[in-house]
Each structure stands twice: as C-alpha cells, then as structure tokens.
Amino acid sequence: MFTGLIEELGEVVDWRLDGDAGRLTVRGALVTSDAAHGDSISVNGVCLTVIAQGDDGVFTADVMGQTIAMSTIGALTPGSTVNLERAAEVGDRLGGHIVQGHIDGTTRVIDRREHGEWRVLRFSLDAAHAPLVVDKGSIAVDGVSLTVSAAGDDWFEVSLIPETLAATTLGGKEVGDWANLETDILARHVARLVRLGAVPTATGPDGRSDS
C-alpha cells in the first residue's frame, strides 16, 4: 500500500521486453536506501516488486504482460523520469490517500491551463471509470495522490501546486501525454456492491438479519 506522496524522481536505467513480460531497472537513491529483495516500490503509480538492487542506487523489477498492457510502463525508455514511492509503513502519517499501486488504466491530458504559479490539468475519463471519480474526491495519477477539482462525464481536472509540479513528473505533462490512473479503492468497492445489488447485512446467532 502507498500514500501517493512521491518521495523522489527516479531514472529508468534499463527496460527489456521478453515476450509479453519485461524487466525494468530504475535508479533512485532514496527508495533503494533501505530496499530489500521482495519490497514494493511504486513506479509511476505501478506497484513493482524488487528482485535485485545494487550499491549504485538502482533496483530491478519484473513487469508482467497485464501491467504493460494496462499502464504506460511499456512506453518507458532508458533516461525516462519516473515517480517513485516506497510502500507505506504501519504508523506512517497518511498525508495522501490509500493507493494500492494497482492501475485501473491510462488517461490522457486533454487540456492544460496556467494560473500563475499553479496549473490545472484536465484528463480524459472513459465510461468505466467515470462513476468512480467525483468532485473533491481522491485520485492517483502516475502514482501522485491528488484531489479532483472538477469532473464531467468524460473528463476530470486536478489543480497542481508548485511543489507537485516540481517534485513529480506531472510538471512536465503536455496536452496529449498519457498517464497511469488509479481510482479510489473505496469508490470501486461501493460501485461493485451497487452493481451486484449485494449490500451485506449483519446476522444474529439464529441466522436472522439484524436489518
């Protein structure tokens, strides 16, 4: 689990495809400072498992085909800048929101507006994800925990402060660029319950519903 607060900007060192899977190597001095085999690190919002790490601040992770198909990971190249975050520890402050690192899909920048030192980005939103995104709700874009500042039927907007623009890859996003999208896990659970008509009720010892 992550919080969506990016710890550092990393650099892709190597990215090798092998059939429908791949192996990604990234340099990030902070996130590798205490990394161990099997640890989770979020790369542009995608939860990856460390399979090797070096003394020069790099770590390597395997990426399965489904992840490549659903995210922007496959478009990375050596030299690409990526958002990095280590998994949250029990007892950490939850400064962002609960981010799983399980991408719902991708989204595209469709508008960019400057407002002094801050910026508004509008992203596309497909029909499957639109019901999960609400004004003032939480959303993760490329692993960054953000608050939705406006939402329509097929788009949503986020307002980015100077710190977010400087500390994450979102500062370099232009119209037409793609990003990874993760909707709020609570919204996904509620949507499934509604869709299935399955609202759980408590039952007593005799098996009767308490509702």
C-alpha atoms as a PDB file:
ATOM      1  CA  MET A   1       0.000   0.000   0.000  1.00  0.00           C
ATOM      2  CA  PHE A   2       1.149   3.551  -0.771  1.00  0.00           C
ATOM      3  CA  THR A   3       0.009   7.055   0.110  1.00  0.00           C
ATOM      4  CA  GLY A   4       0.554   8.783  -3.226  1.00  0.00           C
ATOM      5  CA  LEU A   5       3.194  11.145  -1.821  1.00  0.00           C
ATOM      6  CA  ILE A   6       6.117  10.866  -4.234  1.00  0.00           C
ATOM      7  CA  GLU A   7       9.468  10.512  -2.481  1.00  0.00           C
ATOM      8  CA  GLU A   8      11.778  11.190  -5.401  1.00  0.00           C
ATOM      9  CA  LEU A   9      12.115  11.357  -9.158  1.00  0.00           C
ATOM     10  CA  GLY A  10      13.974   8.340 -10.492  1.00  0.00           C
ATOM     11  CA  GLU A  11      15.548   7.487 -13.819  1.00  0.00           C
ATOM     12  CA  VAL A  12      14.982   4.407 -15.949  1.00  0.00           C
ATOM     13  CA  VAL A  13      18.351   2.709 -16.453  1.00  0.00           C
ATOM     14  CA  ASP A  14      17.248  -0.301 -18.481  1.00  0.00           C
ATOM     15  CA  TRP A  15      13.972  -1.715 -19.838  1.00  0.00           C
ATOM     16  CA  ARG A  16      13.981  -5.059 -21.585  1.00  0.00           C
ATOM     17  CA  LEU A  17      10.971  -6.824 -23.059  1.00  0.00           C
ATOM     18  CA  ASP A  18      10.930 -10.622 -23.203  1.00  0.00           C
ATOM     19  CA  GLY A  19       7.813 -11.888 -24.939  1.00  0.00           C
ATOM     20  CA  ASP A  20       4.779 -10.472 -23.141  1.00  0.00           C
ATOM     21  CA  ALA A  21       6.721  -9.506 -19.998  1.00  0.00           C
ATOM     22  CA  GLY A  22       9.671  -7.277 -19.195  1.00  0.00           C
ATOM     23  CA  ARG A  23      12.382  -6.374 -16.707  1.00  0.00           C
ATOM     24  CA  LEU A  24      12.758  -2.777 -15.557  1.00  0.00           C
ATOM     25  CA  THR A  25      15.791  -1.244 -13.851  1.00  0.00           C
ATOM     26  CA  VAL A  26      15.433   2.146 -12.184  1.00  0.00           C
ATOM     27  CA  ARG A  27      17.828   4.434 -10.310  1.00  0.00           C
ATOM     28  CA  GLY A  28      16.507   6.023  -7.133  1.00  0.00           C
ATOM     29  CA  ALA A  29      18.911   6.744  -4.297  1.00  0.00           C
ATOM     30  CA  LEU A  30      16.252   7.327  -1.628  1.00  0.00           C
ATOM     31  CA  VAL A  31      13.891   4.441  -2.338  1.00  0.00           C
ATOM     32  CA  THR A  32      16.806   1.997  -2.572  1.00  0.00           C
ATOM     33  CA  SER A  33      18.484   3.242   0.608  1.00  0.00           C
ATOM     34  CA  ASP A  34      16.721   0.567   2.668  1.00  0.00           C
ATOM     35  CA  ALA A  35      15.315  -1.645  -0.111  1.00  0.00           C
ATOM     36  CA  ALA A  36      15.437  -5.408   0.216  1.00  0.00           C
ATOM     37  CA  HIS A  37      14.527  -8.277  -2.062  1.00  0.00           C
ATOM     38  CA  GLY A  38      10.731  -8.574  -2.197  1.00  0.00           C
ATOM     39  CA  ASP A  39       9.989  -4.990  -1.185  1.00  0.00           C
ATOM     40  CA  SER A  40       7.359  -2.995  -3.074  1.00  0.00           C
ATOM     41  CA  ILE A  41       8.167   0.263  -4.866  1.00  0.00           C
ATOM     42  CA  SER A  42       5.686   2.326  -6.854  1.00  0.00           C
ATOM     43  CA  VAL A  43       6.955   3.409 -10.280  1.00  0.00           C
ATOM     44  CA  ASN A  44       4.624   5.981 -11.851  1.00  0.00           C
ATOM     45  CA  GLY A  45       1.877   4.517  -9.702  1.00  0.00           C
ATOM     46  CA  VAL A  46       2.537   0.872 -10.584  1.00  0.00           C
ATOM     47  CA  CYS A  47       3.404  -1.391  -7.645  1.00  0.00           C
ATOM     48  CA  LEU A  48       6.521  -3.392  -8.551  1.00  0.00           C
ATOM     49  CA  THR A  49       8.484  -5.942  -6.524  1.00  0.00           C
ATOM     50  CA  VAL A  50      12.225  -5.536  -6.069  1.00  0.00           C
ATOM     51  CA  ILE A  51      14.057  -8.628  -7.342  1.00  0.00           C
ATOM     52  CA  ALA A  52      17.553  -7.134  -7.207  1.00  0.00           C
ATOM     53  CA  GLN A  53      19.261  -3.953  -6.084  1.00  0.00           C
ATOM     54  CA  GLY A  54      22.752  -2.543  -6.474  1.00  0.00           C
ATOM     55  CA  ASP A  55      25.091  -0.348  -4.457  1.00  0.00           C
ATOM     56  CA  ASP A  56      24.702   2.432  -7.024  1.00  0.00           C
ATOM     57  CA  GLY A  57      21.088   3.177  -6.087  1.00  0.00           C
ATOM     58  CA  VAL A  58      19.384   1.005  -8.681  1.00  0.00           C
ATOM     59  CA  PHE A  59      16.720  -1.673  -8.346  1.00  0.00           C
ATOM     60  CA  THR A  60      15.263  -4.153 -10.805  1.00  0.00           C
ATOM     61  CA  ALA A  61      11.701  -5.447 -11.044  1.00  0.00           C
ATOM     62  CA  ASP A  62       9.855  -7.859 -13.309  1.00  0.00           C
ATOM     63  CA  VAL A  63       6.785  -6.485 -15.099  1.00  0.00           C
ATOM     64  CA  MET A  64       4.091  -8.870 -16.286  1.00  0.00           C
ATOM     65  CA  GLY A  65       2.202  -8.546 -19.539  1.00  0.00           C
ATOM     66  CA  GLN A  66      -1.061  -7.375 -17.982  1.00  0.00           C
ATOM     67  CA  THR A  67       0.729  -4.475 -16.292  1.00  0.00           C
ATOM     68  CA  ILE A  68       2.382  -3.478 -19.561  1.00  0.00           C
ATOM     69  CA  ALA A  69      -0.981  -3.592 -21.351  1.00  0.00           C
ATOM     70  CA  MET A  70      -2.846  -1.544 -18.731  1.00  0.00           C
ATOM     71  CA  SER A  71      -0.253   1.103 -17.921  1.00  0.00           C
ATOM     72  CA  THR A  72       2.297   3.415 -19.515  1.00  0.00           C
ATOM     73  CA  ILE A  73       5.207   1.273 -18.295  1.00  0.00           C
ATOM     74  CA  GLY A  74       5.732  -0.179 -21.767  1.00  0.00           C
ATOM     75  CA  ALA A  75       6.417   3.282 -23.194  1.00  0.00           C
ATOM     76  CA  LEU A  76       9.358   3.959 -20.848  1.00  0.00           C
ATOM     77  CA  THR A  77      12.871   4.115 -22.255  1.00  0.00           C
ATOM     78  CA  PRO A  78      16.320   4.467 -20.662  1.00  0.00           C
ATOM     79  CA  GLY A  79      16.550   8.013 -19.392  1.00  0.00           C
ATOM     80  CA  SER A  80      12.813   8.376 -18.694  1.00  0.00           C
ATOM     81  CA  THR A  81      11.975  10.172 -15.454  1.00  0.00           C
ATOM     82  CA  VAL A  82       9.565   8.331 -13.128  1.00  0.00           C
ATOM     83  CA  ASN A  83       7.774   8.979  -9.848  1.00  0.00           C
ATOM     84  CA  LEU A  84       8.997   6.719  -7.033  1.00  0.00           C
ATOM     85  CA  GLU A  85       7.492   5.852  -3.654  1.00  0.00           C
ATOM     86  CA  ARG A  86       8.273   3.119  -1.159  1.00  0.00           C
ATOM     87  CA  ALA A  87       5.426   1.153   0.415  1.00  0.00           C
ATOM     88  CA  ALA A  88       3.937   2.785   3.493  1.00  0.00           C
ATOM     89  CA  GLU A  89       4.869   1.500   6.932  1.00  0.00           C
ATOM     90  CA  VAL A  90       2.359   0.864   9.708  1.00  0.00           C
ATOM     91  CA  GLY A  91       2.187   4.024  11.784  1.00  0.00           C
ATOM     92  CA  ASP A  92       3.066   6.395   8.924  1.00  0.00           C
ATOM     93  CA  ARG A  93       1.025   9.563   8.517  1.00  0.00           C
ATOM     94  CA  LEU A  94      -1.437   9.180   5.655  1.00  0.00           C
ATOM     95  CA  GLY A  95      -0.727  12.525   4.013  1.00  0.00           C
ATOM     96  CA  GLY A  96      -2.261  11.462   0.703  1.00  0.00           C
ATOM     97  CA  HIS A  97      -4.837   8.678   0.435  1.00  0.00           C
ATOM     98  CA  ILE A  98      -4.811   4.883   0.240  1.00  0.00           C
ATOM     99  CA  VAL A  99      -3.147   3.992  -3.061  1.00  0.00           C
ATOM    100  CA  GLN A 100      -2.737   0.319  -3.957  1.00  0.00           C
ATOM    101  CA  GLY A 101      -0.482   0.651  -6.960  1.00  0.00           C
ATOM    102  CA  HIS A 102      -2.991  -1.386  -8.978  1.00  0.00           C
ATOM    103  CA  ILE A 103      -3.655   0.672 -12.087  1.00  0.00           C
ATOM    104  CA  ASP A 104      -7.193   0.906 -13.485  1.00  0.00           C
ATOM    105  CA  GLY A 105      -5.902   2.004 -16.860  1.00  0.00           C
ATOM    106  CA  THR A 106      -4.475   5.060 -18.566  1.00  0.00           C
ATOM    107  CA  THR A 107      -5.666   8.605 -19.079  1.00  0.00           C
ATOM    108  CA  ARG A 108      -4.615  11.389 -21.438  1.00  0.00           C
ATOM    109  CA  VAL A 109      -4.028  15.097 -20.845  1.00  0.00           C
ATOM    110  CA  ILE A 110      -6.666  16.940 -22.882  1.00  0.00           C
ATOM    111  CA  ASP A 111      -6.197  20.470 -21.550  1.00  0.00           C
ATOM    112  CA  ARG A 112      -3.605  22.460 -19.607  1.00  0.00           C
ATOM    113  CA  ARG A 113      -4.215  25.885 -18.067  1.00  0.00           C
ATOM    114  CA  GLU A 114      -1.715  28.100 -16.261  1.00  0.00           C
ATOM    115  CA  HIS A 115      -2.812  30.134 -13.246  1.00  0.00           C
ATOM    116  CA  GLY A 116       0.239  31.994 -12.012  1.00  0.00           C
ATOM    117  CA  GLU A 117       2.478  29.507 -10.226  1.00  0.00           C
ATOM    118  CA  TRP A 118      -0.096  26.705 -10.210  1.00  0.00           C
ATOM    119  CA  ARG A 119      -1.617  24.736 -13.054  1.00  0.00           C
ATOM    120  CA  VAL A 120      -4.834  22.893 -13.939  1.00  0.00           C
ATOM    121  CA  LEU A 121      -4.630  19.678 -15.942  1.00  0.00           C
ATOM    122  CA  ARG A 122      -7.725  18.111 -17.497  1.00  0.00           C
ATOM    123  CA  PHE A 123      -7.587  14.360 -18.148  1.00  0.00           C
ATOM    124  CA  SER A 124      -9.758  12.061 -20.229  1.00  0.00           C
ATOM    125  CA  LEU A 125     -12.065   9.637 -18.438  1.00  0.00           C
ATOM    126  CA  ASP A 126     -13.646   6.580 -20.016  1.00  0.00           C
ATOM    127  CA  ALA A 127     -17.152   5.328 -19.279  1.00  0.00           C
ATOM    128  CA  ALA A 128     -15.975   2.514 -16.998  1.00  0.00           C
ATOM    129  CA  HIS A 129     -14.121   4.860 -14.651  1.00  0.00           C
ATOM    130  CA  ALA A 130     -16.372   7.935 -14.791  1.00  0.00           C
ATOM    131  CA  PRO A 131     -18.725   6.758 -11.968  1.00  0.00           C
ATOM    132  CA  LEU A 132     -15.696   6.306  -9.674  1.00  0.00           C
ATOM    133  CA  VAL A 133     -14.458   9.891  -9.952  1.00  0.00           C
ATOM    134  CA  VAL A 134     -16.199  12.670  -8.031  1.00  0.00           C
ATOM    135  CA  ASP A 135     -15.538  16.350  -7.427  1.00  0.00           C
ATOM    136  CA  LYS A 136     -13.305  16.773  -4.333  1.00  0.00           C
ATOM    137  CA  GLY A 137     -12.632  13.019  -4.278  1.00  0.00           C
ATOM    138  CA  SER A 138      -9.213  11.371  -4.279  1.00  0.00           C
ATOM    139  CA  ILE A 139      -7.448  10.044  -7.364  1.00  0.00           C
ATOM    140  CA  ALA A 140      -3.913   8.908  -8.218  1.00  0.00           C
ATOM    141  CA  VAL A 141      -2.297   9.992 -11.495  1.00  0.00           C
ATOM    142  CA  ASP A 142       1.105   8.431 -12.188  1.00  0.00           C
ATOM    143  CA  GLY A 143       1.123   7.491  -8.513  1.00  0.00           C
ATOM    144  CA  VAL A 144       0.545  11.041  -7.265  1.00  0.00           C
ATOM    145  CA  SER A 145      -2.265  11.473  -4.732  1.00  0.00           C
ATOM    146  CA  LEU A 146      -4.478  14.305  -5.968  1.00  0.00           C
ATOM    147  CA  THR A 147      -7.836  15.877  -5.234  1.00  0.00           C
ATOM    148  CA  VAL A 148     -10.290  16.099  -8.112  1.00  0.00           C
ATOM    149  CA  SER A 149     -11.033  19.808  -8.577  1.00  0.00           C
ATOM    150  CA  ALA A 150     -13.760  19.302 -11.208  1.00  0.00           C
ATOM    151  CA  ALA A 151     -15.325  16.357 -13.035  1.00  0.00           C
ATOM    152  CA  GLY A 152     -17.513  15.841 -16.092  1.00  0.00           C
ATOM    153  CA  ASP A 153     -18.955  12.791 -17.805  1.00  0.00           C
ATOM    154  CA  ASP A 154     -15.748  12.023 -19.700  1.00  0.00           C
ATOM    155  CA  TRP A 155     -13.074  14.154 -18.016  1.00  0.00           C
ATOM    156  CA  PHE A 156     -11.704  15.268 -14.666  1.00  0.00           C
ATOM    157  CA  GLU A 157      -9.394  18.056 -13.560  1.00  0.00           C
ATOM    158  CA  VAL A 158      -6.718  18.409 -10.915  1.00  0.00           C
ATOM    159  CA  SER A 159      -5.125  21.625  -9.672  1.00  0.00           C
ATOM    160  CA  LEU A 160      -1.388  21.339  -9.120  1.00  0.00           C
ATOM    161  CA  ILE A 161       0.562  23.469  -6.645  1.00  0.00           C
ATOM    162  CA  PRO A 162       4.191  24.457  -7.356  1.00  0.00           C
ATOM    163  CA  GLU A 163       5.534  21.696  -5.090  1.00  0.00           C
ATOM    164  CA  THR A 164       3.690  18.996  -7.037  1.00  0.00           C
ATOM    165  CA  LEU A 165       4.841  20.474 -10.337  1.00  0.00           C
ATOM    166  CA  ALA A 166       8.472  20.464  -9.174  1.00  0.00           C
ATOM    167  CA  ALA A 167       8.544  17.168  -7.273  1.00  0.00           C
ATOM    168  CA  THR A 168       6.704  14.895  -9.727  1.00  0.00           C
ATOM    169  CA  THR A 169       6.547  14.149 -13.443  1.00  0.00           C
ATOM    170  CA  LEU A 170       3.203  15.961 -13.654  1.00  0.00           C
ATOM    171  CA  GLY A 171       5.078  19.239 -14.022  1.00  0.00           C
ATOM    172  CA  GLY A 172       6.212  18.137 -17.465  1.00  0.00           C
ATOM    173  CA  LYS A 173       2.881  16.878 -18.766  1.00  0.00           C
ATOM    174  CA  GLU A 174       1.677  18.400 -22.010  1.00  0.00           C
ATOM    175  CA  VAL A 175      -1.622  18.027 -23.879  1.00  0.00           C
ATOM    176  CA  GLY A 176      -1.631  14.592 -25.493  1.00  0.00           C
ATOM    177  CA  ASP A 177       0.613  12.938 -22.881  1.00  0.00           C
ATOM    178  CA  TRP A 178      -0.543   9.734 -21.224  1.00  0.00           C
ATOM    179  CA  ALA A 179      -0.543   8.851 -17.511  1.00  0.00           C
ATOM    180  CA  ASN A 180      -1.489   5.953 -15.253  1.00  0.00           C
ATOM    181  CA  LEU A 181      -4.821   6.213 -13.453  1.00  0.00           C
ATOM    182  CA  GLU A 182      -5.901   4.641 -10.170  1.00  0.00           C
ATOM    183  CA  THR A 183      -9.349   5.456  -8.830  1.00  0.00           C
ATOM    184  CA  ASP A 184     -10.235   5.411  -5.143  1.00  0.00           C
ATOM    185  CA  ILE A 185     -10.450   1.854  -3.758  1.00  0.00           C
ATOM    186  CA  LEU A 186     -13.492   2.787  -1.634  1.00  0.00           C
ATOM    187  CA  ALA A 187     -15.342   4.000  -4.727  1.00  0.00           C
ATOM    188  CA  ARG A 188     -14.541   0.746  -6.529  1.00  0.00           C
ATOM    189  CA  HIS A 189     -15.942  -1.366  -3.700  1.00  0.00           C
ATOM    190  CA  VAL A 190     -19.126   0.690  -3.458  1.00  0.00           C
ATOM    191  CA  ALA A 191     -19.626   0.563  -7.225  1.00  0.00           C
ATOM    192  CA  ARG A 192     -19.343  -3.221  -7.260  1.00  0.00           C
ATOM    193  CA  LEU A 193     -21.778  -3.633  -4.374  1.00  0.00           C
ATOM    194  CA  VAL A 194     -24.301  -1.425  -6.154  1.00  0.00           C
ATOM    195  CA  ARG A 195     -23.808  -3.213  -9.473  1.00  0.00           C
ATOM    196  CA  LEU A 196     -24.324  -6.638  -7.917  1.00  0.00           C
ATOM    197  CA  GLY A 197     -27.115  -5.463  -5.648  1.00  0.00           C
ATOM    198  CA  ALA A 198     -25.196  -7.071  -2.820  1.00  0.00           C
ATOM    199  CA  VAL A 199     -25.405  -4.921   0.288  1.00  0.00           C
ATOM    200  CA  PRO A 200     -24.167  -7.046   3.218  1.00  0.00           C
ATOM    201  CA  THR A 201     -26.276  -7.191   6.385  1.00  0.00           C
ATOM    202  CA  ALA A 202     -25.300  -8.480   9.777  1.00  0.00           C
ATOM    203  CA  THR A 203     -26.954 -11.677  11.022  1.00  0.00           C
ATOM    204  CA  GLY A 204     -27.576 -12.815  14.566  1.00  0.00           C
ATOM    205  CA  PRO A 205     -26.798 -16.220  16.131  1.00  0.00           C
ATOM    206  CA  ASP A 206     -30.162 -17.538  14.900  1.00  0.00           C
ATOM    207  CA  GLY A 207     -29.297 -16.605  11.297  1.00  0.00           C
ATOM    208  CA  ARG A 208     -31.825 -13.798  11.097  1.00  0.00           C
ATOM    209  CA  SER A 209     -30.844 -10.437   9.649  1.00  0.00           C
ATOM    210  CA  ASP A 210     -30.344  -7.576  12.069  1.00  0.00           C
ATOM    211  CA  SER A 211     -31.625  -5.095   9.451  1.00  0.00           C
END
